[in-house]
Amino acid sequence: MAYCTIEEIRAEGITPERVSDFRLPMLIELATAYIDGVTRQWFEPRAMTITLDGNGGQMLYLPVFAIEVTSVKVDGQAVTDYQVYNRFFPDDRRNPRIYREAGWPKGRQNIAIEGTWGYVDKVGTEYRTPLLIKQVAKRLVIREIPLLGDAEGQEERKRSRIVSETTDGHSYTLERLVGTMDLTGDPDIDGVLALYRVPIAIGGV
């Protein structure tokens, strides 16, 4: 899966002369992997079983939003007495968790939760990648279009937005988005990734 398509990149005015259909899928895959790695979560429905350490308490915090939970096992035994906090309103996506009055016994990877996971928007009955993430994916793809051997293109992609410039002295000031990560130098990318990033204290995947 990917967070944008070739057609969406073409709609941004990127012609086959600038980048071919052969290379674009790789750039889209790279952008998707980059977003997942930086935010420590993902933004499309993915079915899987996640194993967690029991904490001895009644509330277990999840590393990513649970769209749907189909089964829960504690120490290998199926249980049904749990409540998943996976609402879109009130919004649980930034604080996903699962409650069990009997508690989650302490252990190493002794809690297995099967279901569908991902930070998604709900539109009607569909689950979609958030629009901000799709926009960042497109920006990342377009940013990576210059070939590694294109020295001028590689230099340009390293630059953030210019907010002031002195043409005679050839000096300029680069914009930085205060309070966000400085990953790419592009505040339109870094600001969104910071917004969706899972704190280490909560636990990423």
N, C-alpha and C. Protein backbone atom coordinates (compact mmCIF):
# COMPACT_ATOMS: atom_id res chain seq x y z
N MET A 1 0.84 -1.19 0.00
CA MET A 1 0.00 0.00 0.00
C MET A 1 0.88 1.25 0.00
N ALA A 2 0.30 2.37 -0.43
CA ALA A 2 1.05 3.62 -0.50
C ALA A 2 0.11 4.78 -0.21
N TYR A 3 0.69 5.91 0.18
CA TYR A 3 -0.10 7.05 0.59
C TYR A 3 -0.42 8.03 -0.54
N CYS A 4 0.08 7.77 -1.72
CA CYS A 4 -0.32 8.54 -2.89
C CYS A 4 -0.12 7.66 -4.12
N THR A 5 -0.61 8.13 -5.25
CA THR A 5 -0.56 7.35 -6.48
C THR A 5 0.20 8.11 -7.57
N ILE A 6 0.53 7.37 -8.63
CA ILE A 6 1.18 8.01 -9.78
C ILE A 6 0.27 9.08 -10.36
N GLU A 7 -1.02 8.80 -10.43
CA GLU A 7 -1.96 9.77 -10.99
C GLU A 7 -2.00 11.05 -10.16
N GLU A 8 -1.91 10.92 -8.85
CA GLU A 8 -1.93 12.10 -7.99
C GLU A 8 -0.66 12.93 -8.16
N ILE A 9 0.46 12.27 -8.40
CA ILE A 9 1.70 13.00 -8.65
C ILE A 9 1.63 13.72 -9.99
N ARG A 10 1.09 13.05 -10.99
CA ARG A 10 0.94 13.68 -12.30
C ARG A 10 0.00 14.89 -12.21
N ALA A 11 -1.02 14.81 -11.36
CA ALA A 11 -1.97 15.91 -11.21
C ALA A 11 -1.32 17.15 -10.60
N GLU A 12 -0.15 16.96 -9.98
CA GLU A 12 0.59 18.10 -9.43
C GLU A 12 1.48 18.76 -10.47
N GLY A 13 1.38 18.32 -11.71
CA GLY A 13 2.15 18.93 -12.79
C GLY A 13 3.48 18.27 -13.05
N ILE A 14 3.72 17.08 -12.48
CA ILE A 14 4.98 16.36 -12.70
C ILE A 14 4.84 15.50 -13.95
N THR A 15 5.53 15.86 -14.99
CA THR A 15 5.40 15.20 -16.29
C THR A 15 6.31 13.98 -16.39
N PRO A 16 6.04 13.08 -17.34
CA PRO A 16 6.92 11.93 -17.56
C PRO A 16 8.34 12.34 -17.95
N GLU A 17 8.49 13.55 -18.49
CA GLU A 17 9.83 14.03 -18.83
C GLU A 17 10.66 14.29 -17.57
N ARG A 18 10.01 14.68 -16.50
CA ARG A 18 10.73 14.93 -15.24
C ARG A 18 11.03 13.64 -14.50
N VAL A 19 10.06 12.72 -14.48
CA VAL A 19 10.27 11.43 -13.82
C VAL A 19 9.35 10.41 -14.48
N SER A 20 9.88 9.25 -14.74
CA SER A 20 9.13 8.23 -15.50
C SER A 20 8.20 7.42 -14.60
N ASP A 21 7.24 6.73 -15.22
CA ASP A 21 6.36 5.83 -14.49
C ASP A 21 7.14 4.65 -13.91
N PHE A 22 8.30 4.39 -14.46
CA PHE A 22 9.14 3.31 -13.94
C PHE A 22 9.74 3.69 -12.58
N ARG A 23 10.15 4.95 -12.43
CA ARG A 23 10.81 5.40 -11.20
C ARG A 23 9.83 5.87 -10.13
N LEU A 24 8.69 6.37 -10.54
CA LEU A 24 7.73 6.94 -9.58
C LEU A 24 7.27 5.95 -8.50
N PRO A 25 6.93 4.70 -8.84
CA PRO A 25 6.50 3.78 -7.78
C PRO A 25 7.54 3.61 -6.67
N MET A 26 8.81 3.58 -7.04
CA MET A 26 9.87 3.46 -6.03
C MET A 26 9.89 4.69 -5.13
N LEU A 27 9.71 5.88 -5.70
CA LEU A 27 9.70 7.11 -4.91
C LEU A 27 8.49 7.16 -3.98
N ILE A 28 7.36 6.67 -4.46
CA ILE A 28 6.15 6.62 -3.63
C ILE A 28 6.34 5.64 -2.47
N GLU A 29 6.92 4.49 -2.76
CA GLU A 29 7.20 3.51 -1.71
C GLU A 29 8.18 4.07 -0.69
N LEU A 30 9.18 4.78 -1.16
CA LEU A 30 10.16 5.40 -0.27
C LEU A 30 9.49 6.43 0.63
N ALA A 31 8.62 7.27 0.07
CA ALA A 31 7.92 8.29 0.85
C ALA A 31 7.04 7.65 1.92
N THR A 32 6.34 6.58 1.55
CA THR A 32 5.46 5.89 2.51
C THR A 32 6.27 5.31 3.66
N ALA A 33 7.38 4.66 3.35
CA ALA A 33 8.23 4.08 4.38
C ALA A 33 8.82 5.17 5.28
N TYR A 34 9.18 6.29 4.70
CA TYR A 34 9.74 7.41 5.47
C TYR A 34 8.71 7.94 6.46
N ILE A 35 7.49 8.13 6.02
CA ILE A 35 6.43 8.63 6.90
C ILE A 35 6.18 7.65 8.05
N ASP A 36 6.10 6.35 7.74
CA ASP A 36 5.89 5.34 8.78
C ASP A 36 7.03 5.35 9.80
N GLY A 37 8.27 5.45 9.30
CA GLY A 37 9.42 5.41 10.19
C GLY A 37 9.51 6.61 11.10
N VAL A 38 9.22 7.78 10.57
CA VAL A 38 9.32 9.01 11.37
C VAL A 38 8.19 9.09 12.40
N THR A 39 6.97 8.74 12.01
CA THR A 39 5.82 8.88 12.90
C THR A 39 5.65 7.70 13.85
N ARG A 40 6.28 6.58 13.52
CA ARG A 40 6.17 5.35 14.31
C ARG A 40 4.75 4.76 14.28
N GLN A 41 4.03 5.04 13.22
CA GLN A 41 2.74 4.40 13.01
C GLN A 41 2.45 4.42 11.51
N TRP A 42 1.23 4.00 11.12
CA TRP A 42 0.90 3.99 9.71
C TRP A 42 -0.51 4.53 9.50
N PHE A 43 -0.85 4.82 8.24
CA PHE A 43 -2.03 5.62 7.96
C PHE A 43 -2.93 4.99 6.90
N GLU A 44 -3.10 3.71 7.03
CA GLU A 44 -4.00 2.92 6.20
C GLU A 44 -4.38 1.68 7.00
N PRO A 45 -5.50 1.04 6.74
CA PRO A 45 -5.87 -0.16 7.49
C PRO A 45 -4.92 -1.33 7.18
N ARG A 46 -4.35 -1.90 8.23
CA ARG A 46 -3.48 -3.07 8.07
C ARG A 46 -3.90 -4.12 9.09
N ALA A 47 -4.23 -5.32 8.58
CA ALA A 47 -4.66 -6.41 9.44
C ALA A 47 -3.45 -7.17 9.96
N MET A 48 -3.39 -7.35 11.27
CA MET A 48 -2.28 -8.07 11.87
C MET A 48 -2.58 -8.37 13.33
N THR A 49 -1.72 -9.19 13.94
CA THR A 49 -1.78 -9.45 15.38
C THR A 49 -0.61 -8.72 16.04
N ILE A 50 -0.92 -7.92 17.05
CA ILE A 50 0.09 -7.19 17.79
C ILE A 50 0.24 -7.81 19.17
N THR A 51 1.47 -8.11 19.57
CA THR A 51 1.72 -8.68 20.89
C THR A 51 2.33 -7.61 21.79
N LEU A 52 1.83 -7.54 23.02
CA LEU A 52 2.25 -6.52 23.96
C LEU A 52 2.57 -7.14 25.31
N ASP A 53 3.31 -6.40 26.10
CA ASP A 53 3.63 -6.82 27.47
C ASP A 53 2.48 -6.44 28.40
N GLY A 54 1.98 -7.38 29.17
CA GLY A 54 0.98 -7.05 30.18
C GLY A 54 1.60 -6.17 31.26
N ASN A 55 0.85 -5.15 31.69
CA ASN A 55 1.42 -4.19 32.65
C ASN A 55 0.88 -4.33 34.06
N GLY A 56 -0.02 -5.29 34.30
CA GLY A 56 -0.56 -5.49 35.63
C GLY A 56 -1.72 -4.56 35.96
N GLY A 57 -2.04 -3.64 35.06
CA GLY A 57 -3.13 -2.70 35.30
C GLY A 57 -4.36 -3.04 34.48
N GLN A 58 -5.37 -2.19 34.61
CA GLN A 58 -6.62 -2.42 33.88
C GLN A 58 -6.60 -1.80 32.49
N MET A 59 -5.76 -0.78 32.29
CA MET A 59 -5.69 -0.08 31.01
C MET A 59 -4.37 -0.40 30.33
N LEU A 60 -4.45 -0.85 29.08
CA LEU A 60 -3.27 -1.17 28.30
C LEU A 60 -3.22 -0.21 27.12
N TYR A 61 -2.13 0.53 27.01
CA TYR A 61 -2.00 1.52 25.94
C TYR A 61 -1.45 0.85 24.68
N LEU A 62 -2.08 1.16 23.55
CA LEU A 62 -1.76 0.52 22.28
C LEU A 62 -0.81 1.39 21.47
N PRO A 63 0.06 0.78 20.69
CA PRO A 63 1.05 1.54 19.91
C PRO A 63 0.48 2.22 18.68
N VAL A 64 -0.72 1.80 18.26
CA VAL A 64 -1.35 2.39 17.07
C VAL A 64 -2.86 2.22 17.22
N PHE A 65 -3.61 3.06 16.54
CA PHE A 65 -5.06 3.04 16.66
C PHE A 65 -5.65 1.72 16.18
N ALA A 66 -6.55 1.17 16.98
CA ALA A 66 -7.21 -0.10 16.63
C ALA A 66 -8.52 0.21 15.92
N ILE A 67 -8.54 0.06 14.61
CA ILE A 67 -9.77 0.29 13.84
C ILE A 67 -10.82 -0.74 14.26
N GLU A 68 -10.38 -1.98 14.37
CA GLU A 68 -11.27 -3.06 14.79
C GLU A 68 -10.44 -4.15 15.44
N VAL A 69 -10.92 -4.65 16.57
CA VAL A 69 -10.27 -5.77 17.26
C VAL A 69 -11.16 -7.00 17.11
N THR A 70 -10.58 -8.09 16.61
CA THR A 70 -11.37 -9.31 16.38
C THR A 70 -11.14 -10.38 17.44
N SER A 71 -9.98 -10.36 18.09
CA SER A 71 -9.75 -11.32 19.17
C SER A 71 -8.62 -10.84 20.07
N VAL A 72 -8.70 -11.24 21.34
CA VAL A 72 -7.68 -10.91 22.33
C VAL A 72 -7.34 -12.18 23.10
N LYS A 73 -6.05 -12.45 23.24
CA LYS A 73 -5.59 -13.59 24.03
C LYS A 73 -4.66 -13.11 25.13
N VAL A 74 -4.87 -13.64 26.32
CA VAL A 74 -4.03 -13.34 27.48
C VAL A 74 -3.36 -14.63 27.92
N ASP A 75 -2.05 -14.67 27.83
CA ASP A 75 -1.30 -15.89 28.16
C ASP A 75 -1.83 -17.09 27.36
N GLY A 76 -2.18 -16.82 26.09
CA GLY A 76 -2.62 -17.89 25.21
C GLY A 76 -4.10 -18.23 25.29
N GLN A 77 -4.83 -17.62 26.23
CA GLN A 77 -6.25 -17.91 26.41
C GLN A 77 -7.10 -16.76 25.88
N ALA A 78 -8.11 -17.08 25.08
CA ALA A 78 -8.99 -16.05 24.52
C ALA A 78 -9.83 -15.42 25.62
N VAL A 79 -9.99 -14.10 25.56
CA VAL A 79 -10.83 -13.37 26.51
C VAL A 79 -11.75 -12.45 25.70
N THR A 80 -12.89 -12.14 26.30
CA THR A 80 -13.86 -11.25 25.64
C THR A 80 -14.27 -10.08 26.52
N ASP A 81 -13.79 -10.06 27.76
CA ASP A 81 -14.20 -9.01 28.72
C ASP A 81 -13.28 -7.79 28.62
N TYR A 82 -13.33 -7.12 27.48
CA TYR A 82 -12.46 -5.96 27.28
C TYR A 82 -13.24 -4.86 26.56
N GLN A 83 -12.77 -3.66 26.66
CA GLN A 83 -13.37 -2.52 25.96
C GLN A 83 -12.27 -1.77 25.22
N VAL A 84 -12.42 -1.64 23.91
CA VAL A 84 -11.43 -0.96 23.08
C VAL A 84 -11.81 0.52 22.95
N TYR A 85 -10.85 1.38 23.20
CA TYR A 85 -11.04 2.81 22.98
C TYR A 85 -10.58 3.13 21.56
N ASN A 86 -11.51 3.05 20.63
CA ASN A 86 -11.18 3.29 19.22
C ASN A 86 -12.24 4.16 18.56
N ARG A 87 -12.66 5.17 19.29
CA ARG A 87 -13.69 6.07 18.77
C ARG A 87 -13.07 7.14 17.86
N PHE A 88 -13.88 7.59 16.91
CA PHE A 88 -13.49 8.73 16.09
C PHE A 88 -14.04 10.02 16.68
N PHE A 89 -15.09 9.91 17.49
CA PHE A 89 -15.60 11.05 18.24
C PHE A 89 -16.28 10.54 19.51
N PRO A 90 -15.79 10.92 20.70
CA PRO A 90 -14.51 11.61 20.92
C PRO A 90 -13.36 10.85 20.27
N ASP A 91 -12.33 11.57 19.89
CA ASP A 91 -11.25 11.01 19.06
C ASP A 91 -10.21 10.30 19.93
N ASP A 92 -10.14 8.97 19.78
CA ASP A 92 -9.15 8.16 20.51
C ASP A 92 -7.90 7.88 19.70
N ARG A 93 -7.79 8.43 18.50
CA ARG A 93 -6.69 8.03 17.61
C ARG A 93 -5.32 8.41 18.16
N ARG A 94 -5.24 9.48 18.94
CA ARG A 94 -3.95 9.87 19.51
C ARG A 94 -3.69 9.22 20.87
N ASN A 95 -4.67 8.51 21.37
CA ASN A 95 -4.51 7.85 22.67
C ASN A 95 -5.23 6.51 22.66
N PRO A 96 -4.85 5.60 21.77
CA PRO A 96 -5.55 4.31 21.67
C PRO A 96 -5.22 3.41 22.86
N ARG A 97 -6.23 2.72 23.38
CA ARG A 97 -6.02 1.87 24.55
C ARG A 97 -7.13 0.83 24.63
N ILE A 98 -6.92 -0.12 25.50
CA ILE A 98 -7.90 -1.19 25.69
C ILE A 98 -8.02 -1.46 27.18
N TYR A 99 -9.25 -1.55 27.66
CA TYR A 99 -9.54 -1.69 29.09
C TYR A 99 -10.07 -3.08 29.41
N ARG A 100 -9.62 -3.57 30.56
CA ARG A 100 -10.14 -4.86 31.05
C ARG A 100 -10.21 -4.79 32.57
N GLU A 101 -11.41 -4.95 33.11
CA GLU A 101 -11.59 -4.81 34.56
C GLU A 101 -10.76 -5.83 35.32
N ALA A 102 -10.62 -7.05 34.76
CA ALA A 102 -9.82 -8.08 35.43
C ALA A 102 -8.33 -7.79 35.35
N GLY A 103 -7.94 -6.83 34.51
CA GLY A 103 -6.53 -6.44 34.40
C GLY A 103 -5.78 -7.24 33.35
N TRP A 104 -4.60 -6.71 33.03
CA TRP A 104 -3.69 -7.34 32.07
C TRP A 104 -2.48 -7.84 32.84
N PRO A 105 -2.42 -9.15 33.15
CA PRO A 105 -1.34 -9.66 33.99
C PRO A 105 0.03 -9.36 33.42
N LYS A 106 0.95 -9.04 34.29
CA LYS A 106 2.30 -8.71 33.85
C LYS A 106 2.93 -9.90 33.13
N GLY A 107 3.69 -9.60 32.10
CA GLY A 107 4.36 -10.64 31.34
C GLY A 107 5.06 -10.05 30.13
N ARG A 108 5.83 -10.87 29.46
CA ARG A 108 6.54 -10.46 28.26
C ARG A 108 5.81 -10.97 27.03
N GLN A 109 5.27 -10.05 26.25
CA GLN A 109 4.53 -10.39 25.03
C GLN A 109 3.45 -11.44 25.30
N ASN A 110 2.76 -11.28 26.40
CA ASN A 110 1.73 -12.25 26.79
C ASN A 110 0.32 -11.80 26.41
N ILE A 111 0.22 -10.63 25.78
CA ILE A 111 -1.08 -10.14 25.31
C ILE A 111 -1.04 -10.10 23.78
N ALA A 112 -1.92 -10.85 23.14
CA ALA A 112 -1.99 -10.90 21.67
C ALA A 112 -3.33 -10.33 21.22
N ILE A 113 -3.28 -9.25 20.44
CA ILE A 113 -4.50 -8.58 19.99
C ILE A 113 -4.54 -8.64 18.46
N GLU A 114 -5.55 -9.31 17.95
CA GLU A 114 -5.72 -9.44 16.50
C GLU A 114 -6.76 -8.44 16.02
N GLY A 115 -6.47 -7.79 14.91
CA GLY A 115 -7.44 -6.83 14.39
C GLY A 115 -6.90 -6.07 13.20
N THR A 116 -7.53 -4.92 12.95
CA THR A 116 -7.13 -4.02 11.88
C THR A 116 -6.69 -2.71 12.50
N TRP A 117 -5.51 -2.23 12.09
CA TRP A 117 -4.86 -1.11 12.77
C TRP A 117 -4.49 -0.02 11.78
N GLY A 118 -4.40 1.21 12.30
CA GLY A 118 -3.91 2.31 11.49
C GLY A 118 -4.58 3.63 11.85
N TYR A 119 -3.81 4.71 11.79
CA TYR A 119 -4.36 6.05 12.02
C TYR A 119 -5.02 6.49 10.72
N VAL A 120 -6.33 6.40 10.68
CA VAL A 120 -7.08 6.68 9.45
C VAL A 120 -8.21 7.66 9.74
N ASP A 121 -8.72 8.28 8.68
CA ASP A 121 -9.96 9.05 8.76
C ASP A 121 -11.11 8.16 8.35
N LYS A 122 -12.27 8.37 8.98
CA LYS A 122 -13.46 7.61 8.61
C LYS A 122 -14.37 8.50 7.80
N VAL A 123 -14.64 8.10 6.57
CA VAL A 123 -15.51 8.84 5.66
C VAL A 123 -16.65 7.91 5.28
N GLY A 124 -17.82 8.12 5.88
CA GLY A 124 -18.92 7.18 5.68
C GLY A 124 -18.56 5.84 6.29
N THR A 125 -18.53 4.82 5.47
CA THR A 125 -18.14 3.48 5.95
C THR A 125 -16.71 3.13 5.55
N GLU A 126 -16.00 4.08 4.92
CA GLU A 126 -14.65 3.83 4.45
C GLU A 126 -13.61 4.41 5.41
N TYR A 127 -12.45 3.77 5.41
CA TYR A 127 -11.30 4.27 6.17
C TYR A 127 -10.24 4.73 5.19
N ARG A 128 -9.83 5.99 5.31
CA ARG A 128 -8.93 6.59 4.34
C ARG A 128 -7.70 7.19 5.00
N THR A 129 -6.62 7.28 4.23
CA THR A 129 -5.41 7.96 4.68
C THR A 129 -5.72 9.44 4.88
N PRO A 130 -5.32 10.03 6.03
CA PRO A 130 -5.57 11.46 6.26
C PRO A 130 -5.01 12.31 5.12
N LEU A 131 -5.74 13.36 4.77
CA LEU A 131 -5.36 14.21 3.64
C LEU A 131 -3.99 14.86 3.87
N LEU A 132 -3.69 15.24 5.10
CA LEU A 132 -2.39 15.86 5.38
C LEU A 132 -1.24 14.88 5.11
N ILE A 133 -1.46 13.61 5.43
CA ILE A 133 -0.44 12.60 5.18
C ILE A 133 -0.28 12.38 3.68
N LYS A 134 -1.38 12.36 2.94
CA LYS A 134 -1.30 12.21 1.49
C LYS A 134 -0.53 13.38 0.88
N GLN A 135 -0.78 14.59 1.39
CA GLN A 135 -0.09 15.76 0.87
C GLN A 135 1.41 15.68 1.15
N VAL A 136 1.77 15.25 2.35
CA VAL A 136 3.18 15.10 2.70
C VAL A 136 3.84 14.04 1.83
N ALA A 137 3.13 12.94 1.58
CA ALA A 137 3.68 11.89 0.72
C ALA A 137 3.99 12.45 -0.66
N LYS A 138 3.10 13.25 -1.21
CA LYS A 138 3.33 13.85 -2.54
C LYS A 138 4.52 14.80 -2.49
N ARG A 139 4.63 15.58 -1.43
CA ARG A 139 5.76 16.51 -1.30
C ARG A 139 7.09 15.75 -1.21
N LEU A 140 7.07 14.64 -0.49
CA LEU A 140 8.29 13.84 -0.36
C LEU A 140 8.69 13.23 -1.70
N VAL A 141 7.71 12.75 -2.44
CA VAL A 141 8.00 12.16 -3.75
C VAL A 141 8.61 13.22 -4.67
N ILE A 142 7.97 14.37 -4.75
CA ILE A 142 8.45 15.43 -5.64
C ILE A 142 9.83 15.91 -5.21
N ARG A 143 10.06 15.92 -3.91
CA ARG A 143 11.36 16.35 -3.38
C ARG A 143 12.48 15.40 -3.79
N GLU A 144 12.14 14.12 -4.02
CA GLU A 144 13.15 13.11 -4.33
C GLU A 144 13.33 12.91 -5.83
N ILE A 145 12.66 13.70 -6.64
CA ILE A 145 12.77 13.53 -8.09
C ILE A 145 14.20 13.74 -8.61
N PRO A 146 14.96 14.75 -8.13
CA PRO A 146 16.33 14.91 -8.64
C PRO A 146 17.16 13.64 -8.43
N LEU A 147 17.85 13.22 -9.46
CA LEU A 147 18.69 12.02 -9.36
C LEU A 147 19.85 12.27 -8.41
N LEU A 148 20.35 11.21 -7.81
CA LEU A 148 21.47 11.35 -6.88
C LEU A 148 22.69 11.94 -7.56
N GLY A 149 22.80 11.72 -8.86
CA GLY A 149 23.94 12.27 -9.60
C GLY A 149 23.73 13.69 -10.08
N ASP A 150 22.56 14.27 -9.79
CA ASP A 150 22.26 15.65 -10.18
C ASP A 150 22.66 16.58 -9.05
N ALA A 151 23.86 17.12 -9.11
CA ALA A 151 24.40 17.93 -8.01
C ALA A 151 23.54 19.17 -7.75
N GLU A 152 23.12 19.83 -8.81
CA GLU A 152 22.31 21.04 -8.64
C GLU A 152 20.95 20.72 -8.02
N GLY A 153 20.33 19.65 -8.50
CA GLY A 153 19.04 19.24 -7.95
C GLY A 153 19.14 18.81 -6.50
N GLN A 154 20.20 18.10 -6.14
CA GLN A 154 20.39 17.66 -4.77
C GLN A 154 20.62 18.84 -3.83
N GLU A 155 21.31 19.86 -4.31
CA GLU A 155 21.53 21.05 -3.49
C GLU A 155 20.23 21.79 -3.26
N GLU A 156 19.41 21.87 -4.28
CA GLU A 156 18.14 22.58 -4.18
C GLU A 156 17.19 21.91 -3.18
N ARG A 157 17.15 20.58 -3.18
CA ARG A 157 16.24 19.87 -2.30
C ARG A 157 16.61 19.99 -0.84
N LYS A 158 17.86 20.37 -0.55
CA LYS A 158 18.30 20.54 0.83
C LYS A 158 17.87 21.87 1.43
N ARG A 159 17.42 22.77 0.57
CA ARG A 159 17.10 24.11 1.03
C ARG A 159 15.66 24.18 1.55
N SER A 160 15.48 24.88 2.66
CA SER A 160 14.14 25.16 3.15
C SER A 160 13.60 26.37 2.43
N ARG A 161 12.45 26.83 2.80
CA ARG A 161 11.88 28.00 2.16
C ARG A 161 12.72 29.23 2.47
N ILE A 162 12.92 30.06 1.46
CA ILE A 162 13.65 31.31 1.63
C ILE A 162 12.66 32.40 2.01
N VAL A 163 12.91 33.04 3.19
CA VAL A 163 12.02 34.09 3.64
C VAL A 163 12.62 35.47 3.45
N SER A 164 13.94 35.55 3.21
CA SER A 164 14.57 36.82 2.86
C SER A 164 15.80 36.53 2.02
N GLU A 165 16.18 37.49 1.16
CA GLU A 165 17.30 37.27 0.26
C GLU A 165 17.95 38.60 -0.11
N THR A 166 19.26 38.59 -0.18
CA THR A 166 20.01 39.74 -0.66
C THR A 166 20.69 39.33 -1.95
N THR A 167 20.20 39.83 -3.07
CA THR A 167 20.68 39.34 -4.36
C THR A 167 22.12 39.72 -4.62
N ASP A 168 22.51 40.96 -4.30
CA ASP A 168 23.89 41.39 -4.58
C ASP A 168 24.89 40.62 -3.73
N GLY A 169 24.52 40.40 -2.46
CA GLY A 169 25.43 39.69 -1.56
C GLY A 169 25.26 38.20 -1.59
N HIS A 170 24.28 37.74 -2.35
CA HIS A 170 24.01 36.30 -2.49
C HIS A 170 23.76 35.64 -1.13
N SER A 171 23.02 36.30 -0.27
CA SER A 171 22.69 35.72 1.03
C SER A 171 21.19 35.53 1.14
N TYR A 172 20.77 34.59 1.98
CA TYR A 172 19.35 34.37 2.17
C TYR A 172 19.12 33.80 3.56
N THR A 173 17.86 33.89 4.02
CA THR A 173 17.48 33.35 5.32
C THR A 173 16.48 32.23 5.09
N LEU A 174 16.69 31.10 5.73
CA LEU A 174 15.82 29.95 5.55
C LEU A 174 14.79 29.88 6.67
N GLU A 175 13.56 29.56 6.30
CA GLU A 175 12.48 29.46 7.27
C GLU A 175 12.62 28.15 8.06
N ARG A 176 12.39 28.22 9.34
CA ARG A 176 12.33 27.04 10.19
C ARG A 176 11.04 27.09 10.98
N LEU A 177 10.34 25.98 11.09
CA LEU A 177 9.09 25.93 11.82
C LEU A 177 9.40 25.65 13.29
N VAL A 178 9.16 26.62 14.15
CA VAL A 178 9.53 26.53 15.56
C VAL A 178 8.72 25.42 16.24
N GLY A 179 9.40 24.62 17.06
CA GLY A 179 8.73 23.60 17.85
C GLY A 179 8.50 22.30 17.13
N THR A 180 9.03 22.14 15.92
CA THR A 180 8.85 20.89 15.20
C THR A 180 10.20 20.25 14.92
N MET A 181 10.15 19.04 14.39
CA MET A 181 11.38 18.34 14.03
C MET A 181 12.01 19.00 12.81
N ASP A 182 13.33 18.93 12.74
CA ASP A 182 14.05 19.45 11.58
C ASP A 182 14.58 18.26 10.80
N LEU A 183 13.72 17.67 9.99
CA LEU A 183 14.06 16.45 9.27
C LEU A 183 14.48 16.74 7.85
N THR A 184 13.57 17.34 7.10
CA THR A 184 13.85 17.63 5.70
C THR A 184 14.22 19.09 5.48
N GLY A 185 13.92 19.94 6.45
CA GLY A 185 14.11 21.37 6.27
C GLY A 185 12.92 22.05 5.64
N ASP A 186 11.91 21.27 5.24
CA ASP A 186 10.69 21.81 4.65
C ASP A 186 9.61 21.82 5.74
N PRO A 187 9.20 23.01 6.21
CA PRO A 187 8.22 23.05 7.31
C PRO A 187 6.87 22.44 6.94
N ASP A 188 6.51 22.43 5.65
CA ASP A 188 5.25 21.82 5.22
C ASP A 188 5.29 20.30 5.37
N ILE A 189 6.46 19.73 5.40
CA ILE A 189 6.63 18.30 5.63
C ILE A 189 6.86 18.02 7.11
N ASP A 190 7.86 18.68 7.68
CA ASP A 190 8.27 18.39 9.05
C ASP A 190 7.18 18.71 10.06
N GLY A 191 6.43 19.78 9.81
CA GLY A 191 5.37 20.15 10.74
C GLY A 191 4.28 19.11 10.83
N VAL A 192 3.89 18.53 9.69
CA VAL A 192 2.86 17.50 9.67
C VAL A 192 3.36 16.21 10.31
N LEU A 193 4.59 15.83 10.01
CA LEU A 193 5.15 14.61 10.61
C LEU A 193 5.25 14.73 12.12
N ALA A 194 5.60 15.92 12.60
CA ALA A 194 5.66 16.15 14.05
C ALA A 194 4.27 16.03 14.67
N LEU A 195 3.26 16.49 13.94
CA LEU A 195 1.88 16.44 14.43
C LEU A 195 1.39 15.01 14.63
N TYR A 196 1.81 14.11 13.73
CA TYR A 196 1.32 12.73 13.77
C TYR A 196 2.29 11.77 14.46
N ARG A 197 3.42 12.24 14.92
CA ARG A 197 4.42 11.35 15.49
C ARG A 197 3.99 10.82 16.86
N VAL A 198 4.16 9.51 17.06
CA VAL A 198 3.85 8.90 18.34
C VAL A 198 5.00 9.12 19.30
N PRO A 199 4.76 9.70 20.49
CA PRO A 199 5.85 9.89 21.45
C PRO A 199 6.47 8.56 21.87
N ILE A 200 7.77 8.57 22.10
CA ILE A 200 8.47 7.34 22.50
C ILE A 200 7.89 6.80 23.80
N ALA A 201 7.45 7.68 24.69
CA ALA A 201 6.92 7.25 25.97
C ALA A 201 5.67 6.39 25.81
N ILE A 202 4.88 6.65 24.76
CA ILE A 202 3.69 5.85 24.52
C ILE A 202 4.06 4.52 23.90
N GLY A 203 5.07 4.54 23.03
CA GLY A 203 5.52 3.30 22.41
C GLY A 203 5.18 3.29 20.94
N GLY A 204 6.20 3.21 20.10
CA GLY A 204 5.96 3.16 18.67
C GLY A 204 6.10 1.75 18.15
N VAL A 205 5.79 1.59 16.87
CA VAL A 205 5.93 0.29 16.22
C VAL A 205 6.84 0.43 15.03
